[in-house]
N, C-alpha and C. Protein backbone atom coordinates (compact mmCIF):
# COMPACT_ATOMS: atom_id res chain seq x y z
N MET A 1 0.73 -1.27 0.17
CA MET A 1 -0.01 0.01 -0.14
C MET A 1 0.79 1.13 0.21
N ALA A 2 0.86 1.87 -0.77
CA ALA A 2 1.57 3.33 -1.31
C ALA A 2 0.82 4.39 -0.41
N MET A 3 1.81 4.93 0.08
CA MET A 3 1.16 6.19 0.99
C MET A 3 1.25 7.58 -0.37
N GLU A 4 0.10 8.18 -0.21
CA GLU A 4 -0.16 9.22 -0.89
C GLU A 4 0.64 10.58 -0.39
N LEU A 5 1.39 11.46 -1.47
CA LEU A 5 2.04 12.62 -0.66
C LEU A 5 1.10 13.66 -0.52
N PRO A 6 1.42 14.43 0.21
CA PRO A 6 0.39 15.95 0.67
C PRO A 6 0.52 16.47 -0.61
N ALA A 7 -0.55 17.01 -1.29
CA ALA A 7 -0.58 18.04 -2.55
C ALA A 7 0.87 18.82 -2.86
N SER A 8 1.05 19.54 -1.67
CA SER A 8 2.02 20.65 -1.73
C SER A 8 3.27 19.74 -2.07
N ARG A 9 3.38 18.44 -1.97
CA ARG A 9 4.92 17.56 -2.33
C ARG A 9 4.75 17.16 -3.91
N SER A 10 3.61 17.23 -4.35
CA SER A 10 3.67 16.47 -5.49
C SER A 10 4.07 17.41 -6.55
N THR A 11 4.53 16.44 -7.50
CA THR A 11 5.11 16.81 -8.67
C THR A 11 4.50 17.92 -9.53
N ALA A 12 3.07 17.65 -9.53
CA ALA A 12 2.10 18.61 -10.23
C ALA A 12 2.41 20.17 -9.47
N TYR A 13 2.31 20.16 -8.15
CA TYR A 13 2.14 21.10 -7.49
C TYR A 13 3.29 21.86 -7.57
N GLN A 14 4.42 21.33 -7.40
CA GLN A 14 5.75 21.87 -7.47
C GLN A 14 5.99 22.47 -8.69
N ALA A 15 5.69 22.03 -9.62
CA ALA A 15 5.79 22.66 -11.18
C ALA A 15 4.67 23.88 -11.22
N GLY A 16 3.76 23.69 -10.79
CA GLY A 16 2.53 24.73 -10.98
C GLY A 16 2.98 25.63 -10.07
N ASN A 17 3.58 25.22 -8.91
CA ASN A 17 4.30 26.54 -8.47
C ASN A 17 5.19 27.70 -8.63
N PHE A 18 6.04 26.45 -9.44
CA PHE A 18 7.29 27.28 -10.08
C PHE A 18 6.71 28.01 -11.41
N ALA A 19 5.92 27.57 -11.82
CA ALA A 19 5.16 28.35 -13.17
C ALA A 19 4.51 29.45 -12.64
N LEU A 20 3.73 29.32 -11.53
CA LEU A 20 3.51 30.70 -11.17
C LEU A 20 4.41 31.42 -10.52
N PHE A 21 5.33 31.42 -9.85
CA PHE A 21 6.36 32.11 -9.47
C PHE A 21 7.00 32.96 -10.18
N LEU A 22 7.59 32.12 -11.61
CA LEU A 22 8.08 32.72 -12.60
C LEU A 22 7.08 33.88 -13.15
N ALA A 23 5.77 33.23 -13.54
CA ALA A 23 4.83 34.29 -14.24
C ALA A 23 4.88 35.69 -13.30
N ALA A 24 4.83 35.41 -11.82
CA ALA A 24 4.72 36.49 -11.15
C ALA A 24 5.97 37.43 -11.25
N ALA A 25 6.94 36.66 -11.29
CA ALA A 25 8.58 37.46 -11.29
C ALA A 25 8.51 38.07 -12.53
N ALA A 26 7.93 37.55 -13.62
CA ALA A 26 8.09 38.37 -14.94
C ALA A 26 7.17 39.47 -15.12
N ILE A 27 6.40 39.61 -14.72
CA ILE A 27 5.07 40.43 -14.92
C ILE A 27 5.72 41.65 -13.78
N LEU A 28 6.02 41.36 -12.89
CA LEU A 28 6.52 42.33 -11.79
C LEU A 28 8.14 42.96 -12.51
N GLY A 29 8.73 42.23 -13.08
CA GLY A 29 9.66 42.87 -13.81
C GLY A 29 9.46 43.65 -15.09
N ALA A 30 8.38 43.10 -15.69
CA ALA A 30 7.89 44.41 -16.62
C ALA A 30 7.70 45.22 -16.50
N TRP A 31 6.59 45.43 -15.25
CA TRP A 31 5.99 46.55 -14.62
C TRP A 31 7.29 47.86 -14.25
N GLY A 32 8.61 46.83 -13.50
CA GLY A 32 9.52 47.53 -13.12
C GLY A 32 10.59 48.40 -14.17
N PHE A 33 10.48 47.99 -15.44
CA PHE A 33 10.86 48.41 -16.29
C PHE A 33 10.35 49.48 -16.87
N GLU A 34 8.92 49.41 -17.17
CA GLU A 34 7.88 50.42 -17.41
C GLU A 34 8.11 51.80 -16.26
N TYR A 35 8.09 51.41 -15.25
CA TYR A 35 8.31 52.06 -14.12
C TYR A 35 9.87 53.24 -14.01
N ALA A 36 10.66 52.53 -14.83
CA ALA A 36 11.84 52.82 -14.63
C ALA A 36 11.96 53.79 -16.05
N GLY A 37 10.99 53.87 -16.91
CA GLY A 37 11.26 54.56 -18.21
C GLY A 37 11.30 53.93 -19.49
N TYR A 38 10.89 52.79 -19.49
CA TYR A 38 10.64 51.84 -20.72
C TYR A 38 9.16 51.20 -20.90
N PRO A 39 8.66 52.57 -21.62
CA PRO A 39 7.00 52.08 -21.81
C PRO A 39 7.00 51.11 -22.63
N PRO A 40 5.65 50.10 -22.49
CA PRO A 40 5.65 49.48 -23.36
C PRO A 40 4.95 49.74 -24.81
N CYS A 41 5.21 48.75 -25.75
CA CYS A 41 4.81 49.11 -26.90
C CYS A 41 3.54 48.17 -27.24
N HIS A 42 2.71 48.48 -28.16
CA HIS A 42 1.48 47.50 -28.40
C HIS A 42 2.03 46.29 -28.49
N LEU A 43 2.86 45.35 -28.76
CA LEU A 43 3.10 43.91 -28.74
C LEU A 43 3.51 43.69 -27.28
N CYS A 44 4.20 44.68 -26.57
CA CYS A 44 4.48 44.35 -25.21
C CYS A 44 3.19 44.21 -24.32
N LEU A 45 2.32 45.03 -24.64
CA LEU A 45 1.17 44.93 -23.81
C LEU A 45 0.07 43.87 -23.95
N MET A 46 0.31 43.37 -25.40
CA MET A 46 -0.53 42.37 -25.70
C MET A 46 0.17 40.93 -25.13
N GLN A 47 1.13 40.80 -25.10
CA GLN A 47 2.01 39.54 -24.39
C GLN A 47 1.94 39.69 -22.82
N ARG A 48 1.15 40.61 -22.35
CA ARG A 48 1.07 40.86 -20.61
C ARG A 48 -0.07 40.18 -20.75
N TRP A 49 -0.92 39.82 -21.63
CA TRP A 49 -2.19 39.08 -21.53
C TRP A 49 -2.17 37.85 -20.83
N ALA A 50 -1.21 37.16 -21.28
CA ALA A 50 -0.83 35.76 -20.89
C ALA A 50 -0.57 35.83 -19.16
N TYR A 51 -0.01 36.46 -18.75
CA TYR A 51 0.42 36.81 -17.48
C TYR A 51 -0.66 37.17 -16.40
N TYR A 52 -1.67 38.15 -17.36
CA TYR A 52 -2.70 38.80 -16.72
C TYR A 52 -4.00 37.45 -16.26
N ALA A 53 -3.99 36.54 -17.22
CA ALA A 53 -4.93 35.45 -17.20
C ALA A 53 -4.12 34.31 -16.65
N GLY A 54 -2.84 34.15 -16.58
CA GLY A 54 -2.36 32.99 -16.25
C GLY A 54 -2.19 32.83 -15.02
N ILE A 55 -1.51 33.98 -14.20
CA ILE A 55 -1.36 34.03 -12.91
C ILE A 55 -2.64 33.70 -11.77
N PRO A 56 -3.72 34.09 -12.34
CA PRO A 56 -5.04 33.63 -11.58
C PRO A 56 -5.53 32.12 -11.74
N ALA A 57 -5.07 31.74 -13.10
CA ALA A 57 -5.14 30.33 -13.30
C ALA A 57 -4.39 29.82 -12.65
N LEU A 58 -3.06 29.79 -12.61
CA LEU A 58 -1.97 28.85 -12.03
C LEU A 58 -2.47 28.81 -10.44
N PHE A 59 -2.98 30.25 -9.91
CA PHE A 59 -3.45 29.95 -8.75
C PHE A 59 -4.53 29.10 -8.43
N ALA A 60 -5.26 29.20 -9.01
CA ALA A 60 -6.81 28.34 -8.93
C ALA A 60 -6.46 26.95 -9.31
N ALA A 61 -5.63 26.89 -9.95
CA ALA A 61 -4.98 25.05 -10.22
C ALA A 61 -4.28 24.63 -9.24
N LEU A 62 -3.40 25.41 -8.72
CA LEU A 62 -2.75 24.75 -7.47
C LEU A 62 -4.02 24.77 -6.24
N ALA A 63 -5.07 25.76 -5.83
CA ALA A 63 -6.10 25.67 -4.94
C ALA A 63 -6.98 24.31 -4.96
N LEU A 64 -7.15 23.95 -6.53
CA LEU A 64 -7.91 22.71 -7.05
C LEU A 64 -7.15 22.02 -6.41
N LEU A 65 -5.89 21.88 -6.81
CA LEU A 65 -5.07 20.28 -6.78
C LEU A 65 -4.87 20.19 -4.87
N SER A 66 -4.56 20.99 -4.40
CA SER A 66 -4.56 21.04 -2.79
C SER A 66 -5.97 20.63 -2.24
N GLY A 67 -7.18 20.55 -3.07
CA GLY A 67 -8.28 20.26 -2.49
C GLY A 67 -8.71 19.12 -3.27
N GLY A 68 -7.98 18.53 -3.80
CA GLY A 68 -8.04 16.94 -4.54
C GLY A 68 -8.31 17.06 -5.82
N LYS A 69 -8.92 18.31 -6.31
CA LYS A 69 -9.52 18.36 -7.70
C LYS A 69 -8.45 18.13 -8.65
N ARG A 70 -7.81 16.85 -8.91
CA ARG A 70 -7.10 16.81 -9.84
C ARG A 70 -7.49 17.27 -11.36
N ARG A 71 -8.63 16.30 -11.69
CA ARG A 71 -8.73 16.36 -13.19
C ARG A 71 -9.02 18.06 -13.40
N ALA A 72 -9.63 18.64 -12.83
CA ALA A 72 -9.84 20.38 -12.83
C ALA A 72 -8.59 20.92 -13.05
N ALA A 73 -7.90 20.81 -12.04
CA ALA A 73 -6.44 21.47 -12.13
C ALA A 73 -5.66 20.88 -13.14
N MET A 74 -5.63 19.67 -13.56
CA MET A 74 -5.01 19.43 -14.93
C MET A 74 -5.65 20.28 -15.94
N TRP A 75 -6.83 20.45 -16.14
CA TRP A 75 -7.05 21.50 -17.42
C TRP A 75 -6.97 22.85 -17.32
N LEU A 76 -6.67 23.23 -16.04
CA LEU A 76 -6.19 24.66 -15.93
C LEU A 76 -5.00 24.64 -16.08
N PHE A 77 -4.05 23.91 -15.97
CA PHE A 77 -2.60 23.88 -15.71
C PHE A 77 -2.24 23.92 -17.43
N ALA A 78 -3.34 22.59 -18.16
CA ALA A 78 -3.08 22.60 -19.80
C ALA A 78 -3.36 23.92 -20.37
N LEU A 79 -4.75 24.57 -19.89
CA LEU A 79 -4.87 25.75 -20.63
C LEU A 79 -3.87 26.86 -20.44
N THR A 80 -3.33 26.85 -19.18
CA THR A 80 -2.17 27.90 -19.02
C THR A 80 -1.14 27.70 -19.81
N ALA A 81 -0.63 26.41 -19.95
CA ALA A 81 0.39 26.11 -20.79
C ALA A 81 0.45 26.44 -21.96
N LEU A 82 -0.89 26.37 -22.88
CA LEU A 82 -1.15 26.90 -24.11
C LEU A 82 -0.82 28.27 -24.28
N ALA A 83 -1.49 28.76 -23.35
CA ALA A 83 -1.40 30.33 -23.16
C ALA A 83 -0.06 30.96 -23.51
N PHE A 84 0.49 30.31 -22.46
CA PHE A 84 2.40 30.75 -22.21
C PHE A 84 3.08 30.27 -23.60
N LEU A 85 2.60 29.20 -24.20
CA LEU A 85 3.22 28.60 -25.61
C LEU A 85 3.03 29.82 -26.37
N ALA A 86 1.66 30.23 -26.70
CA ALA A 86 1.31 31.67 -27.56
C ALA A 86 2.04 32.71 -27.29
N ASN A 87 1.97 33.07 -26.31
CA ASN A 87 2.84 34.06 -25.77
C ASN A 87 4.49 33.82 -26.01
N SER A 88 4.90 33.05 -25.80
CA SER A 88 6.26 32.76 -26.50
C SER A 88 6.43 32.96 -28.04
N GLY A 89 5.62 32.44 -28.51
CA GLY A 89 5.34 32.73 -30.14
C GLY A 89 5.26 34.28 -30.32
N LEU A 90 4.64 34.87 -29.49
CA LEU A 90 4.40 36.31 -29.61
C LEU A 90 5.89 37.37 -29.71
N GLY A 91 6.42 36.52 -28.28
CA GLY A 91 7.83 37.33 -28.10
C GLY A 91 8.97 36.95 -29.17
N VAL A 92 8.81 35.72 -29.80
CA VAL A 92 9.52 35.63 -30.87
C VAL A 92 9.08 36.20 -32.14
N TYR A 93 8.09 36.63 -32.47
CA TYR A 93 7.49 37.34 -33.44
C TYR A 93 7.87 39.08 -33.54
N GLN A 94 7.79 39.38 -32.12
CA GLN A 94 8.47 40.88 -31.94
C GLN A 94 9.80 40.72 -31.82
N ALA A 95 10.74 40.17 -31.40
CA ALA A 95 11.92 39.88 -31.27
C ALA A 95 12.78 39.68 -32.82
N GLY A 96 11.91 38.98 -33.42
CA GLY A 96 12.31 39.24 -34.90
C GLY A 96 11.99 40.39 -35.64
N ALA A 97 11.04 40.89 -35.21
CA ALA A 97 10.66 42.13 -35.75
C ALA A 97 11.66 43.60 -35.46
N GLU A 98 12.34 43.24 -34.44
CA GLU A 98 12.97 44.03 -33.80
C GLU A 98 14.82 43.46 -34.32
N TRP A 99 14.83 42.11 -34.62
CA TRP A 99 16.00 41.93 -35.21
C TRP A 99 16.14 42.35 -36.93
N LYS A 100 14.83 42.66 -37.43
CA LYS A 100 14.54 43.22 -38.82
C LYS A 100 14.59 41.71 -39.39
N PHE A 101 14.22 40.51 -38.95
CA PHE A 101 13.95 39.65 -39.70
C PHE A 101 12.65 39.45 -40.72
N TRP A 102 11.61 40.12 -40.02
CA TRP A 102 10.63 40.36 -40.69
C TRP A 102 9.76 41.73 -40.20
N PRO A 103 8.79 42.34 -40.98
CA PRO A 103 8.17 43.59 -40.64
C PRO A 103 7.22 43.36 -39.15
N GLY A 104 7.08 44.23 -38.41
CA GLY A 104 6.41 44.15 -37.32
C GLY A 104 5.10 44.80 -37.69
N PRO A 105 3.82 44.56 -36.67
CA PRO A 105 2.56 44.95 -37.32
C PRO A 105 2.78 46.71 -37.66
N ASP A 106 1.32 46.92 -38.38
CA ASP A 106 1.17 48.32 -38.41
C ASP A 106 1.28 49.47 -37.11
N THR A 107 0.93 48.64 -35.87
CA THR A 107 0.78 49.36 -34.73
C THR A 107 2.20 49.71 -34.32
N CYS A 108 2.89 49.32 -34.65
CA CYS A 108 4.54 49.85 -34.06
C CYS A 108 4.77 51.02 -34.51
N THR A 109 4.27 51.70 -35.07
CA THR A 109 4.36 53.21 -35.25
C THR A 109 3.82 54.14 -34.69
N GLY A 110 3.29 53.70 -33.66
CA GLY A 110 2.65 54.73 -32.75
C GLY A 110 0.87 54.73 -32.62
N THR A 111 0.59 55.56 -31.67
CA THR A 111 -0.79 56.13 -32.02
C THR A 111 -1.72 56.03 -33.48
N GLN A 112 -2.70 55.68 -33.84
CA GLN A 112 -3.20 56.08 -34.88
C GLN A 112 -4.57 56.80 -34.53
N ALA A 113 -4.51 58.01 -34.39
CA ALA A 113 -5.49 58.82 -33.98
C ALA A 113 -5.86 59.44 -35.22
N MET A 114 -7.27 59.64 -35.42
CA MET A 114 -8.01 60.60 -36.31
C MET A 114 -8.03 62.09 -35.95
N ALA A 115 -7.82 62.84 -36.78
CA ALA A 115 -7.73 64.22 -36.75
C ALA A 115 -9.13 64.94 -37.43
N THR A 116 -9.83 65.49 -37.03
CA THR A 116 -11.21 66.21 -37.75
C THR A 116 -10.75 67.34 -38.82
N SER A 117 -9.73 68.36 -38.33
CA SER A 117 -9.20 69.30 -38.75
C SER A 117 -7.77 69.61 -38.73
N ALA A 118 -7.44 70.47 -39.43
CA ALA A 118 -5.60 70.37 -39.34
C ALA A 118 -5.03 71.40 -38.30
N GLY A 119 -6.23 71.93 -37.59
CA GLY A 119 -5.55 72.27 -36.31
C GLY A 119 -5.65 71.30 -35.37
N ASP A 120 -6.51 70.26 -35.49
CA ASP A 120 -6.75 69.44 -34.66
C ASP A 120 -5.70 68.25 -34.69
N LEU A 121 -5.23 68.00 -36.25
CA LEU A 121 -4.18 67.23 -36.16
C LEU A 121 -2.51 67.92 -35.70
N LEU A 122 -2.62 68.75 -35.63
CA LEU A 122 -1.62 69.49 -35.31
C LEU A 122 -1.22 69.22 -33.82
N LYS A 123 -2.40 69.35 -32.93
CA LYS A 123 -2.61 69.21 -31.48
C LYS A 123 -2.36 67.86 -31.04
N LYS A 124 -2.74 66.87 -32.06
CA LYS A 124 -2.37 65.51 -31.59
C LYS A 124 -1.27 64.88 -32.04
N LEU A 125 -0.49 65.74 -32.66
CA LEU A 125 0.93 65.37 -33.14
C LEU A 125 2.03 65.76 -31.98
N GLU A 126 1.29 66.73 -31.49
CA GLU A 126 2.14 67.14 -30.52
C GLU A 126 2.11 66.35 -28.84
N THR A 127 1.28 65.52 -29.13
CA THR A 127 0.90 64.32 -27.84
C THR A 127 1.11 63.30 -28.01
N VAL A 128 1.54 62.61 -29.40
CA VAL A 128 1.81 61.35 -29.92
C VAL A 128 3.02 60.92 -29.33
N THR A 129 2.97 59.89 -28.74
CA THR A 129 4.27 59.31 -28.22
C THR A 129 4.51 57.85 -28.89
N VAL A 130 5.56 58.00 -30.08
CA VAL A 130 5.57 56.75 -30.81
C VAL A 130 6.57 55.92 -29.93
N ILE A 131 6.25 54.54 -29.70
CA ILE A 131 6.92 53.62 -29.08
C ILE A 131 6.88 52.33 -30.30
N ARG A 132 8.09 52.29 -30.55
CA ARG A 132 8.01 51.15 -31.42
C ARG A 132 8.07 49.94 -31.04
N CYS A 133 7.63 48.75 -31.71
CA CYS A 133 7.56 47.31 -31.41
C CYS A 133 8.73 46.74 -32.06
N ASP A 134 9.15 47.71 -33.21
CA ASP A 134 10.34 46.89 -34.02
C ASP A 134 11.84 47.26 -33.97
N GLU A 135 12.01 47.99 -32.85
CA GLU A 135 13.29 48.84 -32.11
C GLU A 135 13.28 48.53 -30.67
N ALA A 136 14.22 47.39 -30.32
CA ALA A 136 14.38 47.08 -28.90
C ALA A 136 14.84 48.28 -27.95
N ALA A 137 13.87 48.63 -26.78
CA ALA A 137 14.46 50.04 -26.14
C ALA A 137 15.63 49.60 -25.18
N ILE A 138 15.55 48.19 -25.04
CA ILE A 138 16.93 48.09 -23.99
C ILE A 138 17.66 46.56 -24.44
N ARG A 139 18.54 45.89 -24.30
CA ARG A 139 19.14 44.83 -24.41
C ARG A 139 19.58 44.28 -23.06
N ILE A 140 19.36 43.29 -22.82
CA ILE A 140 20.00 42.64 -21.51
C ILE A 140 21.03 41.27 -22.13
N PHE A 141 21.98 41.22 -21.75
CA PHE A 141 22.66 40.01 -22.27
C PHE A 141 22.32 40.08 -23.68
N GLY A 142 22.32 41.13 -24.55
CA GLY A 142 22.16 40.66 -26.00
C GLY A 142 20.70 40.57 -26.56
N LEU A 143 20.00 40.41 -25.39
CA LEU A 143 18.42 39.86 -25.94
C LEU A 143 17.63 41.19 -25.45
N SER A 144 16.42 41.22 -26.14
CA SER A 144 15.84 42.37 -25.92
C SER A 144 14.70 41.92 -25.01
N LEU A 145 14.03 42.52 -24.27
CA LEU A 145 12.89 42.26 -23.29
C LEU A 145 11.78 41.26 -23.98
N ALA A 146 11.52 41.39 -25.60
CA ALA A 146 10.59 40.53 -25.89
C ALA A 146 11.23 39.16 -26.01
N ALA A 147 12.60 39.10 -26.43
CA ALA A 147 13.60 37.97 -26.57
C ALA A 147 13.23 37.30 -25.19
N TRP A 148 13.34 37.99 -24.21
CA TRP A 148 13.54 37.48 -22.60
C TRP A 148 12.12 36.75 -22.31
N ASN A 149 11.08 37.37 -22.87
CA ASN A 149 9.59 37.14 -22.72
C ASN A 149 9.59 35.74 -23.24
N ALA A 150 9.83 35.91 -24.43
CA ALA A 150 10.13 34.37 -25.51
C ALA A 150 10.46 33.39 -24.52
N ILE A 151 11.32 33.60 -24.16
CA ILE A 151 12.36 32.43 -23.24
C ILE A 151 11.64 32.22 -21.98
N VAL A 152 11.13 33.10 -21.06
CA VAL A 152 10.58 32.93 -19.92
C VAL A 152 9.01 32.29 -20.24
N SER A 153 8.45 32.91 -21.35
CA SER A 153 7.06 32.00 -21.43
C SER A 153 7.44 30.58 -21.61
N PHE A 154 8.34 30.32 -22.68
CA PHE A 154 8.45 28.77 -22.94
C PHE A 154 8.73 28.12 -21.80
N VAL A 155 9.59 28.71 -20.47
CA VAL A 155 9.94 27.89 -19.68
C VAL A 155 8.49 28.03 -18.59
N ILE A 156 7.75 28.75 -18.61
CA ILE A 156 6.33 28.76 -17.97
C ILE A 156 5.36 27.62 -18.74
N PHE A 157 5.44 27.73 -19.93
CA PHE A 157 4.63 26.60 -20.71
C PHE A 157 5.33 24.99 -20.49
N ALA A 158 6.53 25.18 -20.24
CA ALA A 158 6.88 23.63 -19.79
C ALA A 158 6.64 23.20 -18.50
N ALA A 159 6.74 24.15 -17.62
CA ALA A 159 6.51 24.20 -16.22
C ALA A 159 4.85 23.46 -16.05
N ALA A 160 3.91 24.31 -16.54
CA ALA A 160 2.59 24.18 -16.45
C ALA A 160 2.16 22.83 -17.25
N LEU A 161 2.87 22.71 -18.32
CA LEU A 161 2.65 21.45 -19.04
C LEU A 161 2.95 20.33 -18.22
N ARG A 162 4.25 19.90 -17.57
CA ARG A 162 4.59 19.20 -16.67
C ARG A 162 3.78 19.02 -15.56
N ALA A 163 3.03 20.29 -15.03
CA ALA A 163 1.84 20.17 -13.95
C ALA A 163 0.86 19.77 -14.32
N ALA A 164 0.38 19.75 -15.40
CA ALA A 164 -0.89 19.14 -15.95
C ALA A 164 -0.69 17.89 -16.29
N LEU A 165 0.74 17.33 -16.95
CA LEU A 165 1.14 15.61 -16.93
C LEU A 165 0.78 15.19 -15.62
N ALA A 166 1.51 15.68 -14.66
CA ALA A 166 1.54 14.82 -13.23
C ALA A 166 0.34 15.19 -12.86
N ALA A 167 -0.62 15.97 -12.69
CA ALA A 167 -2.14 16.33 -12.61
C ALA A 167 -2.89 14.96 -12.88
N SER A 168 -2.43 14.62 -14.34
CA SER A 168 -3.29 13.35 -14.92
C SER A 168 -3.09 12.33 -14.72
N GLU A 169 -1.75 12.03 -13.71
CA GLU A 169 -1.54 10.70 -13.46
C GLU A 169 -2.01 10.30 -12.52
N PRO A 170 -2.61 8.85 -12.41
CA PRO A 170 -3.19 8.38 -11.45
C PRO A 170 -2.55 8.18 -9.85
N HIS A 171 -3.10 8.40 -8.81
CA HIS A 171 -2.35 8.74 -7.53
C HIS A 171 -2.49 7.80 -6.82
């Protein structure tokens, strides 16, 4: 007769906890860079969606796992893994645009505000701040923040997938 480990010591819980910790650290880092004077571009803001949805989902999956609801936790971990896999792809896309491997989206050139008159156009032009998606604002160890997001998102994907697979195993 095998003794069952508490949920907090299971592989699923540990992998899910690692994914949650890394996701929280990454979004805090993104906010820190923004606060330090590196405003996010349109693609940067899109890459945050996985964190905004994934962090509560990972927390809920860990709570479900602790409550013995392994199947529900497995599905939340799996959905979160897919979200971070897509986010990793988005980070690769932006990093590729920064390295000029391919063009970035049209939204890379700043806000697309409509003017109703010539005077209105001049006023809007004075207040427009162009934050380009196809130029890295900063590089750390040779990689832009988008490239780092691609790497971190892939690691979160792998950890959440590991948590999903472990939660699906019979206990």
